[in-house]
Structure formats: C-alpha cells, structure tokens
Amino acid sequence: MTAPSAADPQSLEARILALLVEVAPDVDPAGVRPERDFRDQFDFDSMDLFNFATAIHGAFGIDIPERDYRQLASLAKCTAYLGTKLGPSTPGISAAGKSS
C-alpha cells in the first residue's frame, strides 16, 4: 500500500487517524478535534505518544526524533509535520531518505 503524499492532506489525515486508532482503540476518529491536543481529548499518555510515533515510522518510513514528538500532539500538528516530511511527488519517502 502506498502512503499518502503531502499533496493529499485528506488522505494523509485519514491514515493518521487510522494509526491513532491502532494505538488507542477506544478513540472514535469521527470525534477527534484536529486543533486540540490528543491528551486533552482522551486518555493519551506519553507511552501512547511513543507508540503513535513508532506506528507513524512504520507506516511512512519517517524517523521521528523524540524532540519532535510534540509535533504529533494533535491531528492538525501531526498532519502539518508529516506534510513537511513527505515529498509531494514521492509518497511515503521522507526528505531525509532521498538520495542527494
């Protein structure tokens, strides 16, 4: 399955929500408010955030340093962060992973 590109934010958002539900199965994706931090919407602790970052890495092949975890704190932040990491013409490949 090809990962969504940054050029398709709706597809990217849907994939992020699917990963979120894998990590936190009690979350109703329809009820997630994009601008609000996950921890303020439901029980989402630091271990959940770590597992979410790991799931994103597995799905998109993007290395996420711990210092960037705060960029994964809400749907809007996560979509924007991944949008900068995914190349619009090369879905699923991070900018750092491209050959120079």
Protein backbone atom coordinates (compact mmCIF):
# COMPACT_ATOMS: atom_id res chain seq x y z
CA MET A 1 0.00 0.00 0.00
CA THR A 2 1.35 3.41 -0.94
CA ALA A 3 1.45 6.01 1.80
CA PRO A 4 -0.47 9.22 1.12
CA SER A 5 1.55 12.20 -0.04
CA ALA A 6 1.65 15.68 1.40
CA ALA A 7 -0.25 16.82 -1.69
CA ASP A 8 -3.31 14.89 -0.47
CA PRO A 9 -3.96 16.17 3.08
CA GLN A 10 -7.33 14.42 3.43
CA SER A 11 -5.80 11.04 2.66
CA LEU A 12 -2.89 11.82 4.98
CA GLU A 13 -5.28 12.81 7.76
CA ALA A 14 -7.30 9.62 7.29
CA ARG A 15 -4.14 7.49 7.54
CA ILE A 16 -3.05 9.35 10.69
CA LEU A 17 -6.46 8.72 12.27
CA ALA A 18 -6.22 5.03 11.38
CA LEU A 19 -2.82 4.83 13.08
CA LEU A 20 -4.19 6.69 16.09
CA VAL A 21 -6.99 4.13 16.46
CA GLU A 22 -4.43 1.29 16.22
CA VAL A 23 -2.56 2.81 19.18
CA ALA A 24 -5.65 3.93 21.13
CA PRO A 25 -8.54 1.64 20.08
CA ASP A 26 -11.08 3.43 22.29
CA VAL A 27 -10.75 6.63 20.24
CA ASP A 28 -13.64 7.49 17.93
CA PRO A 29 -11.93 9.01 14.88
CA ALA A 30 -15.09 10.93 13.96
CA GLY A 31 -14.89 12.77 17.28
CA VAL A 32 -11.25 13.85 17.06
CA ARG A 33 -10.93 17.64 17.01
CA PRO A 34 -7.97 18.48 14.76
CA GLU A 35 -6.67 21.54 16.63
CA ARG A 36 -6.97 20.09 20.13
CA ASP A 37 -4.15 18.00 21.63
CA PHE A 38 -4.94 14.31 21.91
CA ARG A 39 -4.21 14.25 25.65
CA ASP A 40 -6.89 16.92 26.14
CA GLN A 41 -9.49 14.88 24.22
CA PHE A 42 -8.94 11.37 25.57
CA ASP A 43 -6.63 9.25 27.69
CA PHE A 44 -3.39 9.60 25.69
CA ASP A 45 -0.22 9.43 27.74
CA SER A 46 3.49 9.55 26.89
CA MET A 47 3.60 5.82 26.16
CA ASP A 48 0.70 6.21 23.72
CA LEU A 49 2.58 9.07 22.05
CA PHE A 50 5.70 6.89 21.75
CA ASN A 51 3.63 4.05 20.25
CA PHE A 52 1.98 6.53 17.88
CA ALA A 53 5.38 7.82 16.73
CA THR A 54 6.50 4.21 16.22
CA ALA A 55 3.37 3.46 14.19
CA ILE A 56 3.96 6.55 12.03
CA HIS A 57 7.54 5.45 11.47
CA GLY A 58 6.35 2.00 10.40
CA ALA A 59 3.67 3.35 8.09
CA PHE A 60 5.62 6.16 6.45
CA GLY A 61 9.27 5.21 6.97
CA ILE A 62 9.94 8.53 8.67
CA ASP A 63 12.36 8.75 11.58
CA ILE A 64 10.84 10.96 14.25
CA PRO A 65 13.31 12.20 16.86
CA GLU A 66 11.98 12.44 20.39
CA ARG A 67 12.38 16.23 20.30
CA ASP A 68 9.70 16.30 17.56
CA TYR A 69 7.10 14.25 19.46
CA ARG A 70 5.27 17.44 20.43
CA GLN A 71 4.55 17.88 16.71
CA LEU A 72 2.43 14.72 16.92
CA ALA A 73 0.27 16.01 19.79
CA SER A 74 -2.83 16.80 17.68
CA LEU A 75 -4.23 15.80 14.33
CA ALA A 76 -3.52 19.24 12.84
CA LYS A 77 0.06 19.33 14.15
CA CYS A 78 0.72 15.77 13.02
CA THR A 79 -0.69 16.41 9.54
CA ALA A 80 1.43 19.55 9.17
CA TYR A 81 4.56 17.79 10.47
CA LEU A 82 4.17 14.81 8.18
CA GLY A 83 3.34 17.16 5.30
CA THR A 84 6.81 18.67 5.66
CA LYS A 85 8.42 15.23 5.83
CA LEU A 86 6.62 13.61 2.89
CA GLY A 87 7.57 14.69 -0.60
CA PRO A 88 4.54 15.55 -2.74
CA SER A 89 5.90 13.62 -5.70
CA THR A 90 7.34 10.69 -3.76
CA PRO A 91 4.67 9.39 -1.35
CA GLY A 92 5.93 7.65 1.75
CA ILE A 93 9.54 8.77 1.42
CA SER A 94 10.92 11.33 3.83
CA ALA A 95 13.03 14.20 2.59
CA ALA A 96 15.90 12.84 4.68
CA GLY A 97 15.57 9.46 2.97
CA LYS A 98 16.09 10.80 -0.55
CA SER A 99 19.43 10.42 -2.23
CA SER A 100 21.43 13.59 -2.74
